[in-house]
Amino acid sequence: MSAMSEIPLPQVAKRVVPWWLLRHETMLAVILLVALIVLGGLNSRFLTLDNLLNQGRLTTEVGLIALPMTFIIITGGIDLSVGSIVGLCAILLGYSWKVFGLPLPLAICFSLFVGAAAGFLNGIVITRVKVPPLIMTIATLALYRGLAEGISQARSVRGYPEWFYFVGQENLFGVPAQLWLLLIAIVVTAIVLDRTTFGRTLYAIGNNETAARFSGLPVDRVKLIIYTLSGLMAGLSACVLVSRVTTTRSDMGIGYELDVIAAVVLGGTSIFGGVGTIWGTVVGLAMIQLLKNGLALTGVKGDATIVVIGTVLILSTLVASSLQRRREGV
């Protein structure tokens, strides 16, 4: 009997197939490529540069929030309040400028501060009072949305100066301006997660929080930072969204938390913590947005689109999980 025949099949697969081909992100990218080819064949407008850049424009607001959400889910946490923080920051941006008379640049800074403060409140209660993240952020989801609706009284704010619309509507070097913002955020967060002690601490917390504490890692401080960052990025997302749609309403950001979490989990970040990458989140974002757009262009109605996307998400996750187990030799 040959030496090769004595080696278990999973180990043979490891030697024959490069490890990176069996990564969740790689398989998801392959599935995305197949979907792009199929949808591009069904509608000639789908794969045009203008359409793809426009989809990048539309996914920026969710993408900005998905990056810190990746950090949070890697630690085993969750933040369901991000959509409500978007609505609250959008309202306070408009009202601090229109009603309270703040210069618009100062109103933008105030909006970002409110977003960071909202995230800080989540983090401080989670770390100091030990309220589970799910419970805390469900509570603040309702609190922040209620504040937004109470402040706005169902009124919107319009008439922003033309320069304010640059980020949301204009192009820079042929690429939507807000997409540059998202790309910079992707690179920075990917470096932080992959190349820094802070990123390694996130994984340690997600794998075993108790062991991380006994190892002397600043668990509570790191958690406080990532929840604050989540609120800050939600505030930035609100500013970009208002710039794009030219108006402020209290219902802005409704449902964002579900889109964000779906993209992060689809990208391979484990809801139980300890596993995940920024690049996986980016592929998850691209898949969800391009599927929505491609199905709409091919004439699939809204309800059917939700069913198709849900089915694809389930199948993608099952295939990627199966390959992950194979790569680990389970």
Protein backbone atom coordinates (compact mmCIF):
# COMPACT_ATOMS: atom_id res chain seq x y z
CA MET A 1 0.00 0.00 0.00
CA SER A 2 1.36 3.43 -0.94
CA ALA A 3 2.13 6.09 1.61
CA MET A 4 -0.49 8.38 0.07
CA SER A 5 -3.24 5.81 0.60
CA GLU A 6 -2.52 5.75 4.33
CA ILE A 7 -3.12 9.51 4.73
CA PRO A 8 -6.70 10.51 5.71
CA LEU A 9 -8.68 12.10 2.86
CA PRO A 10 -9.03 15.56 4.52
CA GLN A 11 -5.21 15.76 4.79
CA VAL A 12 -4.85 14.71 1.14
CA ALA A 13 -7.28 17.49 0.21
CA LYS A 14 -5.19 19.96 2.17
CA ARG A 15 -2.09 19.00 0.20
CA VAL A 16 -3.79 18.97 -3.20
CA VAL A 17 -5.93 22.13 -2.82
CA PRO A 18 -4.30 25.41 -1.70
CA TRP A 19 -5.58 26.51 1.69
CA TRP A 20 -6.82 29.84 0.42
CA LEU A 21 -9.20 28.15 -2.03
CA LEU A 22 -11.08 26.62 0.89
CA ARG A 23 -11.49 29.88 2.81
CA HIS A 24 -15.02 31.15 3.34
CA GLU A 25 -14.21 34.46 1.65
CA THR A 26 -12.82 32.73 -1.45
CA MET A 27 -15.84 30.49 -1.91
CA LEU A 28 -18.19 33.42 -1.36
CA ALA A 29 -16.28 35.41 -4.00
CA VAL A 30 -16.65 32.49 -6.44
CA ILE A 31 -20.40 32.35 -5.77
CA LEU A 32 -20.60 36.11 -6.28
CA LEU A 33 -18.73 35.83 -9.59
CA VAL A 34 -21.11 33.13 -10.83
CA ALA A 35 -24.11 35.26 -9.82
CA LEU A 36 -22.65 38.28 -11.64
CA ILE A 37 -22.16 36.27 -14.83
CA VAL A 38 -25.71 34.86 -14.71
CA LEU A 39 -27.35 38.21 -13.94
CA GLY A 40 -25.16 39.97 -16.52
CA GLY A 41 -26.35 37.50 -19.15
CA LEU A 42 -29.99 38.19 -18.24
CA ASN A 43 -29.67 41.98 -18.47
CA SER A 44 -27.08 43.89 -20.48
CA ARG A 45 -27.20 46.95 -18.18
CA PHE A 46 -26.19 45.04 -15.07
CA LEU A 47 -22.43 44.77 -15.65
CA THR A 48 -21.99 48.29 -17.01
CA LEU A 49 -19.49 50.49 -15.16
CA ASP A 50 -22.10 53.15 -14.40
CA ASN A 51 -24.44 50.63 -12.80
CA LEU A 52 -21.71 49.00 -10.71
CA LEU A 53 -20.45 52.38 -9.46
CA ASN A 54 -24.00 53.39 -8.60
CA GLN A 55 -24.41 50.22 -6.55
CA GLY A 56 -21.21 51.15 -4.72
CA ARG A 57 -22.78 54.53 -4.00
CA LEU A 58 -25.93 52.89 -2.61
CA THR A 59 -24.10 50.42 -0.38
CA THR A 60 -21.80 52.95 1.27
CA GLU A 61 -24.08 53.81 4.21
CA VAL A 62 -24.54 50.17 5.19
CA GLY A 63 -20.89 49.41 4.46
CA LEU A 64 -19.57 52.07 6.83
CA ILE A 65 -21.55 50.52 9.69
CA ALA A 66 -20.68 46.93 8.72
CA LEU A 67 -16.95 47.50 9.35
CA PRO A 68 -17.16 48.19 13.12
CA MET A 69 -19.99 45.64 13.34
CA THR A 70 -17.43 43.06 12.18
CA PHE A 71 -15.28 44.00 15.16
CA ILE A 72 -18.25 43.69 17.52
CA ILE A 73 -19.43 40.31 16.23
CA ILE A 74 -15.88 38.93 16.33
CA THR A 75 -15.94 39.60 20.10
CA GLY A 76 -19.23 37.69 20.36
CA GLY A 77 -21.34 40.86 20.72
CA ILE A 78 -24.04 42.50 18.62
CA ASP A 79 -25.33 46.05 18.04
CA LEU A 80 -28.96 46.29 16.96
CA SER A 81 -29.19 50.04 17.59
CA VAL A 82 -27.15 51.23 14.59
CA GLY A 83 -30.17 51.94 12.37
CA SER A 84 -31.77 54.04 15.09
CA ILE A 85 -28.51 55.92 15.65
CA VAL A 86 -28.51 56.76 11.93
CA GLY A 87 -32.01 58.23 12.26
CA LEU A 88 -31.14 60.17 15.42
CA CYS A 89 -27.93 61.60 13.96
CA ALA A 90 -29.68 62.56 10.73
CA ILE A 91 -32.38 64.44 12.61
CA LEU A 92 -29.91 66.22 14.88
CA LEU A 93 -27.78 67.17 11.88
CA GLY A 94 -30.74 68.87 10.22
CA TYR A 95 -32.24 70.43 13.33
CA SER A 96 -28.98 71.72 14.82
CA TRP A 97 -28.38 73.52 11.51
CA LYS A 98 -31.89 74.66 10.55
CA VAL A 99 -33.55 75.21 13.94
CA PHE A 100 -30.69 75.86 16.37
CA GLY A 101 -28.67 77.92 13.89
CA LEU A 102 -25.35 76.08 14.07
CA PRO A 103 -23.05 76.44 11.03
CA LEU A 104 -23.44 73.29 8.92
CA PRO A 105 -19.83 72.07 9.47
CA LEU A 106 -20.38 72.37 13.22
CA ALA A 107 -23.75 70.62 12.89
CA ILE A 108 -22.00 67.74 11.12
CA CYS A 109 -19.46 67.48 13.95
CA PHE A 110 -22.29 67.57 16.48
CA SER A 111 -24.06 64.76 14.65
CA LEU A 112 -20.89 62.63 14.68
CA PHE A 113 -20.45 63.37 18.40
CA VAL A 114 -24.01 62.24 19.12
CA GLY A 115 -23.40 59.00 17.20
CA ALA A 116 -20.23 58.31 19.18
CA ALA A 117 -22.00 59.17 22.45
CA ALA A 118 -24.85 56.79 21.61
CA GLY A 119 -22.37 54.00 20.94
CA PHE A 120 -20.45 54.90 24.12
CA LEU A 121 -23.66 54.56 26.14
CA ASN A 122 -24.16 51.07 24.71
CA GLY A 123 -20.58 50.15 25.53
CA ILE A 124 -20.50 51.56 29.05
CA VAL A 125 -23.67 49.73 30.11
CA ILE A 126 -22.51 46.48 28.48
CA THR A 127 -19.08 46.60 30.13
CA ARG A 128 -19.89 48.17 33.51
CA VAL A 129 -23.41 46.95 34.26
CA LYS A 130 -22.84 43.64 32.41
CA VAL A 131 -26.09 43.87 30.46
CA PRO A 132 -25.94 41.44 27.49
CA PRO A 133 -25.31 43.30 24.19
CA LEU A 134 -28.49 41.89 22.62
CA ILE A 135 -30.69 43.23 25.42
CA MET A 136 -28.92 46.58 25.69
CA THR A 137 -28.97 47.36 21.99
CA ILE A 138 -32.61 46.28 21.59
CA ALA A 139 -33.44 48.79 24.32
CA THR A 140 -31.43 51.59 22.72
CA LEU A 141 -32.84 50.71 19.29
CA ALA A 142 -36.23 51.79 20.66
CA LEU A 143 -34.79 54.67 22.71
CA TYR A 144 -32.84 56.32 19.90
CA ARG A 145 -35.64 55.89 17.36
CA GLY A 146 -38.11 57.38 19.83
CA LEU A 147 -35.83 60.36 20.41
CA ALA A 148 -35.51 60.91 16.66
CA GLU A 149 -39.27 60.83 16.17
CA GLY A 150 -39.90 63.03 19.20
CA ILE A 151 -37.43 65.68 18.05
CA SER A 152 -38.61 65.72 14.44
CA GLN A 153 -42.37 65.64 15.11
CA ALA A 154 -42.75 64.04 11.65
CA ARG A 155 -41.14 67.09 9.98
CA SER A 156 -38.22 66.92 7.57
CA VAL A 157 -35.33 69.32 6.97
CA ARG A 158 -34.38 70.35 3.42
CA GLY A 159 -32.51 73.10 1.61
CA TYR A 160 -28.91 72.27 2.46
CA PRO A 161 -26.17 74.26 0.67
CA GLU A 162 -24.81 72.82 -2.57
CA TRP A 163 -21.36 71.96 -1.18
CA PHE A 164 -22.98 69.58 1.30
CA TYR A 165 -24.21 67.34 -1.53
CA PHE A 166 -20.71 66.63 -2.84
CA VAL A 167 -20.11 63.55 -0.68
CA GLY A 168 -23.48 62.01 -1.41
CA GLN A 169 -23.99 62.84 -5.09
CA GLU A 170 -20.77 63.85 -6.85
CA ASN A 171 -17.85 61.88 -8.31
CA LEU A 172 -14.14 62.17 -7.54
CA PHE A 173 -11.86 60.93 -10.35
CA GLY A 174 -14.84 59.21 -11.91
CA VAL A 175 -15.78 57.31 -8.73
CA PRO A 176 -18.62 58.28 -6.34
CA ALA A 177 -17.17 60.45 -3.59
CA GLN A 178 -18.69 58.40 -0.75
CA LEU A 179 -17.21 55.23 -2.24
CA TRP A 180 -13.73 56.68 -1.67
CA LEU A 181 -14.74 57.20 1.94
CA LEU A 182 -15.82 53.56 2.21
CA LEU A 183 -12.64 52.29 0.55
CA ILE A 184 -10.45 54.24 2.97
CA ALA A 185 -12.46 52.88 5.90
CA ILE A 186 -12.12 49.32 4.56
CA VAL A 187 -8.33 49.59 4.27
CA VAL A 188 -7.92 51.14 7.72
CA THR A 189 -10.17 48.63 9.52
CA ALA A 190 -8.59 45.69 7.67
CA ILE A 191 -5.11 46.79 8.76
CA VAL A 192 -6.30 47.28 12.34
CA LEU A 193 -7.88 43.82 12.46
CA ASP A 194 -5.10 41.93 10.68
CA ARG A 195 -1.92 43.71 11.73
CA THR A 196 -2.35 45.18 15.20
CA THR A 197 -2.50 44.05 18.80
CA PHE A 198 -5.96 45.58 19.01
CA GLY A 199 -7.19 43.23 16.27
CA ARG A 200 -5.65 40.19 17.94
CA THR A 201 -7.35 41.22 21.18
CA LEU A 202 -10.72 41.17 19.42
CA TYR A 203 -10.16 37.57 18.34
CA ALA A 204 -8.98 36.61 21.82
CA ILE A 205 -12.12 38.06 23.40
CA GLY A 206 -14.34 36.25 20.91
CA ASN A 207 -12.62 32.91 21.42
CA ASN A 208 -12.61 33.01 25.23
CA GLU A 209 -13.39 36.22 27.07
CA THR A 210 -12.53 34.77 30.48
CA ALA A 211 -9.12 33.59 29.28
CA ALA A 212 -8.53 37.01 27.71
CA ARG A 213 -9.22 38.69 31.06
CA PHE A 214 -6.88 36.33 32.92
CA SER A 215 -4.22 37.07 30.27
CA GLY A 216 -4.33 40.72 31.24
CA LEU A 217 -6.02 41.98 28.07
CA PRO A 218 -8.09 45.18 28.46
CA VAL A 219 -11.37 43.49 27.55
CA ASP A 220 -13.77 46.18 28.81
CA ARG A 221 -11.76 49.01 27.28
CA VAL A 222 -11.64 47.29 23.89
CA LYS A 223 -15.38 46.63 23.98
CA LEU A 224 -16.07 50.24 24.89
CA ILE A 225 -13.94 51.40 21.96
CA ILE A 226 -15.66 49.21 19.36
CA TYR A 227 -19.20 50.13 20.47
CA THR A 228 -18.25 53.81 20.44
CA LEU A 229 -16.74 53.33 16.98
CA SER A 230 -19.95 51.65 15.84
CA GLY A 231 -21.97 54.69 16.92
CA LEU A 232 -19.48 57.08 15.31
CA MET A 233 -19.65 55.24 11.98
CA ALA A 234 -23.45 55.21 12.18
CA GLY A 235 -23.28 59.00 12.58
CA LEU A 236 -20.97 59.25 9.56
CA SER A 237 -23.36 57.04 7.61
CA ALA A 238 -26.20 59.41 8.53
CA CYS A 239 -24.29 62.40 7.14
CA VAL A 240 -23.57 60.57 3.87
CA LEU A 241 -27.21 59.45 3.61
CA VAL A 242 -28.58 62.96 4.15
CA SER A 243 -26.13 64.28 1.56
CA ARG A 244 -27.31 61.67 -0.95
CA VAL A 245 -31.09 62.02 -0.51
CA THR A 246 -31.02 65.80 0.23
CA THR A 247 -33.46 65.62 3.14
CA THR A 248 -33.61 64.58 6.79
CA ARG A 249 -36.32 62.31 8.21
CA SER A 250 -36.70 60.43 11.48
CA ASP A 251 -37.29 57.10 9.70
CA MET A 252 -33.83 57.09 8.14
CA GLY A 253 -31.82 53.96 8.84
CA ILE A 254 -34.78 51.67 9.53
CA GLY A 255 -33.71 48.09 8.78
CA TYR A 256 -30.02 48.97 8.45
CA GLU A 257 -29.12 46.76 11.39
CA LEU A 258 -30.47 43.68 9.60
CA ASP A 259 -28.64 44.47 6.34
CA VAL A 260 -25.42 45.10 8.25
CA ILE A 261 -25.56 41.92 10.30
CA ALA A 262 -26.54 39.85 7.24
CA ALA A 263 -23.51 41.14 5.31
CA VAL A 264 -21.11 40.54 8.20
CA VAL A 265 -22.34 37.02 8.95
CA LEU A 266 -22.55 36.10 5.26
CA GLY A 267 -18.93 37.24 4.96
CA GLY A 268 -17.85 34.53 7.36
CA THR A 269 -17.83 36.29 10.72
CA SER A 270 -19.11 33.84 13.33
CA ILE A 271 -22.02 35.07 15.42
CA PHE A 272 -20.43 33.13 18.30
CA GLY A 273 -17.24 35.20 18.04
CA GLY A 274 -13.58 34.55 17.38
CA VAL A 275 -13.78 34.29 13.58
CA GLY A 276 -14.13 36.92 10.85
CA THR A 277 -12.39 39.26 8.40
CA ILE A 278 -13.05 42.68 6.92
CA TRP A 279 -12.57 41.28 3.41
CA GLY A 280 -15.29 38.71 4.02
CA THR A 281 -17.64 41.49 5.11
CA VAL A 282 -16.83 43.44 1.92
CA VAL A 283 -17.70 40.42 -0.25
CA GLY A 284 -20.90 39.90 1.75
CA LEU A 285 -21.88 43.55 1.20
CA ALA A 286 -21.19 43.28 -2.53
CA MET A 287 -23.18 40.07 -2.87
CA ILE A 288 -26.30 41.40 -1.16
CA GLN A 289 -26.33 44.74 -3.01
CA LEU A 290 -25.58 43.30 -6.44
CA LEU A 291 -28.15 40.54 -6.05
CA LYS A 292 -30.80 43.13 -5.17
CA ASN A 293 -29.87 45.23 -8.19
CA GLY A 294 -29.49 42.35 -10.63
CA LEU A 295 -32.81 40.79 -9.71
CA ALA A 296 -34.57 44.16 -9.97
CA LEU A 297 -33.12 44.74 -13.46
CA THR A 298 -34.26 41.30 -14.62
CA GLY A 299 -37.82 42.07 -13.60
CA VAL A 300 -38.04 40.12 -10.34
CA LYS A 301 -40.54 41.81 -8.02
CA GLY A 302 -39.70 42.96 -4.49
CA ASP A 303 -41.19 40.03 -2.55
CA ALA A 304 -39.59 37.47 -4.84
CA THR A 305 -36.27 39.29 -4.58
CA ILE A 306 -36.27 38.84 -0.81
CA VAL A 307 -36.98 35.11 -1.21
CA VAL A 308 -34.22 34.65 -3.80
CA ILE A 309 -31.65 36.60 -1.76
CA GLY A 310 -32.55 34.67 1.38
CA THR A 311 -32.15 31.37 -0.47
CA VAL A 312 -28.78 32.39 -1.88
CA LEU A 313 -27.59 33.51 1.55
CA ILE A 314 -28.54 30.16 3.09
CA LEU A 315 -26.92 28.14 0.28
CA SER A 316 -23.78 30.27 0.34
CA THR A 317 -23.42 29.83 4.07
CA LEU A 318 -23.98 26.06 3.89
CA VAL A 319 -21.45 25.59 1.09
CA ALA A 320 -18.84 27.76 2.80
CA SER A 321 -19.38 26.04 6.16
CA SER A 322 -19.01 22.62 4.53
CA LEU A 323 -15.74 23.62 2.91
CA GLN A 324 -14.53 25.13 6.20
CA ARG A 325 -15.10 21.82 7.96
CA ARG A 326 -13.28 20.01 5.16
CA ARG A 327 -10.33 22.40 5.41
CA GLU A 328 -10.11 21.78 9.15
CA GLY A 329 -10.25 18.02 8.58
CA VAL A 330 -13.52 17.48 10.48
